[in-house]
Amino acid sequence: VTTWCAERADVTCEVLDTERLTELGMNLMLAVGGASAVSPPRLVIARYLPEDPRPPRMLLGKGITFDTGGINVKPYESFVSMMKNDMGGAALAWSLFAALADAGVDQPLLAVLPTCENPVGEGAMRPGSVVESYGGPTVRIDHTDAEGRLILADALAYATEKYEPEQVICFATLTTAALIAYGPYTTPVHFAPDALRARLEGASEALGEDLHFF
């Protein structure tokens, strides 16, 4: 990511480390990744800045590099052997960001990638923990396998406040229930406004990507 950004004059990239996340009060991200020495919490923010005054379109991607489930550890039946794929949302958001920048789109873009893992360890968040989010509300974490929505909440609140995007599109592997309900080849789409849904439906028909709308 950073190498690709460094080669372009129209793209900037910033990586917020644990120390910076602590200063900012991004406590949900820190709670999820508190026990990790291998993949500690990081927030990657890349900006594509063509000569255009419009607010950016934000691509937000969940980047859990391995999802153990935390203290509420995943059983084998919950596909724990495949949980390195839980960074798929961040990978998709980044790939789309890079492809659009390479294509020279005229609107500014913002890629926001919260990354970490949630292993079991001394610093792991506990079921029942109450944590103050970056946005202000406190969150009671009853189940440590709800890590995705926690890191996305902090990243969304921070990036929305700082960059005031025109539109936010979030990519995430949020629940095995979707995989069970729709199988491995269908993508659920939540809360798409009518105009975006119409465009996605057209792309789905043209390209054969099976989308299911809620």
Protein backbone atom coordinates (compact mmCIF):
# COMPACT_ATOMS: atom_id res chain seq x y z
CA VAL A 1 0.00 0.00 0.00
CA THR A 2 2.57 2.57 1.09
CA THR A 3 4.94 1.72 -1.78
CA TRP A 4 2.20 2.20 -4.38
CA CYS A 5 1.19 5.50 -2.75
CA ALA A 6 4.77 6.77 -2.70
CA GLU A 7 5.03 6.34 -6.47
CA ARG A 8 2.12 8.71 -7.13
CA ALA A 9 1.96 12.47 -6.80
CA ASP A 10 -1.84 12.44 -6.53
CA VAL A 11 -2.08 9.93 -3.66
CA THR A 12 -1.16 10.28 0.02
CA CYS A 13 -1.04 7.54 2.63
CA GLU A 14 -1.00 7.71 6.43
CA VAL A 15 -0.71 4.79 8.86
CA LEU A 16 -1.84 5.47 12.43
CA ASP A 17 -0.03 3.18 14.86
CA THR A 18 -1.05 2.06 18.34
CA GLU A 19 0.43 5.13 20.00
CA ARG A 20 -1.45 7.49 17.71
CA LEU A 21 -4.70 5.53 18.05
CA THR A 22 -4.34 5.82 21.82
CA GLU A 23 -3.83 9.59 21.59
CA LEU A 24 -6.96 9.90 19.45
CA GLY A 25 -9.09 7.74 21.75
CA MET A 26 -9.88 5.03 19.20
CA ASN A 27 -10.56 2.63 22.04
CA LEU A 28 -12.70 0.11 20.17
CA MET A 29 -9.86 -0.66 17.77
CA LEU A 30 -7.45 -0.89 20.69
CA ALA A 31 -9.81 -3.23 22.57
CA VAL A 32 -10.10 -5.62 19.64
CA GLY A 33 -6.36 -5.79 19.00
CA GLY A 34 -5.16 -5.44 22.57
CA ALA A 35 -3.66 -8.94 22.81
CA SER A 36 -1.89 -8.98 19.44
CA ALA A 37 1.87 -8.75 19.07
CA VAL A 38 1.78 -10.09 15.51
CA SER A 39 -0.79 -7.75 13.94
CA PRO A 40 -1.36 -4.80 16.31
CA PRO A 41 -4.03 -2.19 15.54
CA ARG A 42 -3.34 0.10 12.61
CA LEU A 43 -5.54 2.54 10.73
CA VAL A 44 -4.48 3.04 7.12
CA ILE A 45 -5.84 6.13 5.36
CA ALA A 46 -5.08 6.71 1.68
CA ARG A 47 -6.33 9.73 -0.27
CA TYR A 48 -6.57 10.16 -4.03
CA LEU A 49 -6.60 13.87 -4.79
CA PRO A 50 -7.32 14.87 -8.38
CA GLU A 51 -7.95 18.54 -9.10
CA ASP A 52 -11.59 18.47 -8.05
CA PRO A 53 -13.25 20.40 -5.20
CA ARG A 54 -15.92 17.81 -4.37
CA PRO A 55 -15.86 15.91 -1.08
CA PRO A 56 -14.36 12.41 -1.37
CA ARG A 57 -16.11 9.10 -1.77
CA MET A 58 -15.02 6.91 1.15
CA LEU A 59 -14.22 3.20 0.74
CA LEU A 60 -14.15 1.65 4.21
CA GLY A 61 -12.88 -1.92 4.59
CA LYS A 62 -12.75 -4.30 7.54
CA GLY A 63 -9.20 -5.63 7.96
CA ILE A 64 -9.19 -8.34 10.61
CA THR A 65 -6.04 -10.24 9.66
CA PHE A 66 -7.09 -13.31 11.67
CA ASP A 67 -10.33 -13.67 13.60
CA THR A 68 -10.05 -16.14 16.46
CA GLY A 69 -13.29 -14.92 18.02
CA GLY A 70 -11.31 -13.71 21.05
CA ILE A 71 -12.27 -15.09 24.45
CA ASN A 72 -15.58 -16.17 22.87
CA VAL A 73 -13.36 -18.31 20.65
CA LYS A 74 -14.74 -19.63 17.37
CA PRO A 75 -15.33 -23.41 17.13
CA TYR A 76 -13.99 -25.24 14.12
CA GLU A 77 -17.54 -25.39 12.73
CA SER A 78 -17.47 -21.59 12.37
CA PHE A 79 -14.79 -21.83 9.68
CA VAL A 80 -12.02 -20.67 12.06
CA SER A 81 -9.45 -22.27 9.74
CA MET A 82 -10.45 -19.70 7.09
CA MET A 83 -10.39 -16.61 9.30
CA LYS A 84 -7.27 -15.17 7.65
CA ASN A 85 -9.85 -14.15 5.02
CA ASP A 86 -11.47 -11.73 7.47
CA MET A 87 -9.40 -8.94 5.95
CA GLY A 88 -11.31 -9.38 2.69
CA GLY A 89 -13.22 -6.14 3.16
CA ALA A 90 -10.03 -4.11 3.45
CA ALA A 91 -8.49 -5.94 0.49
CA LEU A 92 -11.53 -5.17 -1.66
CA ALA A 93 -11.71 -1.52 -0.59
CA TRP A 94 -8.01 -1.04 -1.30
CA SER A 95 -8.16 -2.83 -4.67
CA LEU A 96 -11.09 -0.69 -5.75
CA PHE A 97 -9.37 2.49 -4.56
CA ALA A 98 -6.19 1.66 -6.46
CA ALA A 99 -8.06 0.64 -9.62
CA LEU A 100 -10.13 3.83 -9.65
CA ALA A 101 -7.03 5.98 -9.08
CA ASP A 102 -5.19 4.17 -11.87
CA ALA A 103 -8.20 4.75 -14.12
CA GLY A 104 -7.98 8.50 -13.41
CA VAL A 105 -11.46 9.08 -12.03
CA ASP A 106 -12.14 12.76 -11.48
CA GLN A 107 -13.64 12.63 -7.96
CA PRO A 108 -11.45 12.48 -4.83
CA LEU A 109 -11.35 9.09 -3.09
CA LEU A 110 -10.62 8.03 0.46
CA ALA A 111 -9.62 4.51 1.49
CA VAL A 112 -10.01 3.81 5.22
CA LEU A 113 -8.66 0.46 6.39
CA PRO A 114 -8.80 -0.45 10.10
CA THR A 115 -6.61 -3.53 10.62
CA CYS A 116 -5.73 -5.82 13.55
CA GLU A 117 -6.50 -9.28 14.91
CA ASN A 118 -8.28 -10.48 18.06
CA PRO A 119 -6.27 -13.32 19.61
CA VAL A 120 -6.81 -14.69 23.09
CA GLY A 121 -4.23 -13.30 25.50
CA GLU A 122 -3.55 -11.23 28.58
CA GLY A 123 -4.55 -7.98 26.86
CA ALA A 124 -7.64 -9.38 25.15
CA MET A 125 -10.98 -7.64 25.63
CA ARG A 126 -13.33 -9.48 27.97
CA PRO A 127 -17.01 -10.24 27.47
CA GLY A 128 -18.86 -7.53 29.33
CA SER A 129 -16.17 -4.89 28.80
CA VAL A 130 -17.48 -1.32 28.52
CA VAL A 131 -15.42 0.81 26.16
CA GLU A 132 -15.77 4.44 25.11
CA SER A 133 -15.69 4.75 21.33
CA TYR A 134 -13.97 7.48 19.33
CA GLY A 135 -17.38 8.89 18.45
CA GLY A 136 -18.36 9.24 22.11
CA PRO A 137 -20.92 6.53 22.95
CA THR A 138 -19.81 3.76 25.28
CA VAL A 139 -20.11 0.21 24.00
CA ARG A 140 -20.69 -2.91 26.08
CA ILE A 141 -18.93 -5.80 24.38
CA ASP A 142 -20.95 -8.87 25.29
CA HIS A 143 -19.33 -11.09 22.64
CA THR A 144 -15.71 -10.74 21.53
CA ASP A 145 -16.47 -12.20 18.10
CA ALA A 146 -18.25 -8.93 17.23
CA GLU A 147 -14.87 -7.40 16.44
CA GLY A 148 -15.68 -6.17 12.94
CA ARG A 149 -18.36 -3.67 13.85
CA LEU A 150 -16.13 -2.34 16.64
CA ILE A 151 -13.14 -1.45 14.47
CA LEU A 152 -15.41 -0.14 11.72
CA ALA A 153 -17.25 2.13 14.18
CA ASP A 154 -14.06 3.88 15.29
CA ALA A 155 -12.67 4.16 11.75
CA LEU A 156 -15.96 5.45 10.36
CA ALA A 157 -16.39 8.05 13.12
CA TYR A 158 -12.84 9.34 12.77
CA ALA A 159 -12.69 9.50 8.97
CA THR A 160 -16.18 10.98 8.62
CA GLU A 161 -15.38 13.71 11.11
CA LYS A 162 -12.02 14.55 9.55
CA TYR A 163 -12.76 14.26 5.82
CA GLU A 164 -16.55 14.81 5.54
CA PRO A 165 -17.07 12.33 2.67
CA GLU A 166 -19.89 12.67 0.17
CA GLN A 167 -20.63 8.94 0.28
CA VAL A 168 -19.45 5.97 2.34
CA ILE A 169 -19.32 2.43 0.96
CA CYS A 170 -18.31 -0.23 3.49
CA PHE A 171 -16.92 -3.67 2.63
CA ALA A 172 -16.82 -6.32 5.35
CA THR A 173 -17.08 -10.01 6.22
CA LEU A 174 -19.38 -9.41 9.17
CA THR A 175 -21.12 -12.70 9.79
CA THR A 176 -20.89 -16.37 8.93
CA ALA A 177 -24.70 -16.32 8.89
CA ALA A 178 -24.54 -14.65 5.46
CA LEU A 179 -22.33 -17.45 4.18
CA ILE A 180 -24.71 -20.05 5.56
CA ALA A 181 -27.79 -18.30 4.15
CA TYR A 182 -26.49 -17.40 0.70
CA GLY A 183 -23.50 -19.64 0.06
CA PRO A 184 -20.01 -18.63 -1.04
CA TYR A 185 -20.95 -16.86 -4.28
CA THR A 186 -23.54 -14.27 -3.22
CA THR A 187 -22.78 -10.86 -1.72
CA PRO A 188 -25.38 -9.32 0.64
CA VAL A 189 -25.77 -5.54 0.23
CA HIS A 190 -27.23 -3.60 3.15
CA PHE A 191 -28.82 -0.14 3.16
CA ALA A 192 -27.93 0.95 -0.38
CA PRO A 193 -29.86 4.12 -1.36
CA ASP A 194 -32.13 3.73 -4.37
CA ALA A 195 -29.76 5.37 -6.85
CA LEU A 196 -26.79 3.26 -5.75
CA ARG A 197 -28.89 0.11 -5.68
CA ALA A 198 -30.00 0.70 -9.27
CA ARG A 199 -26.40 1.11 -10.41
CA LEU A 200 -25.28 -1.98 -8.51
CA GLU A 201 -28.13 -4.04 -9.97
CA GLY A 202 -27.11 -2.99 -13.46
CA ALA A 203 -23.50 -3.91 -12.79
CA SER A 204 -24.59 -7.21 -11.26
CA GLU A 205 -26.54 -8.16 -14.37
CA ALA A 206 -23.77 -7.07 -16.71
CA LEU A 207 -20.91 -8.81 -14.90
CA GLY A 208 -22.61 -11.81 -13.30
CA GLU A 209 -21.81 -10.80 -9.72
CA ASP A 210 -24.69 -12.10 -7.60
CA LEU A 211 -25.87 -9.40 -5.16
CA HIS A 212 -28.72 -9.74 -2.66
CA PHE A 213 -30.20 -6.47 -1.36
CA PHE A 214 -31.68 -5.75 2.07
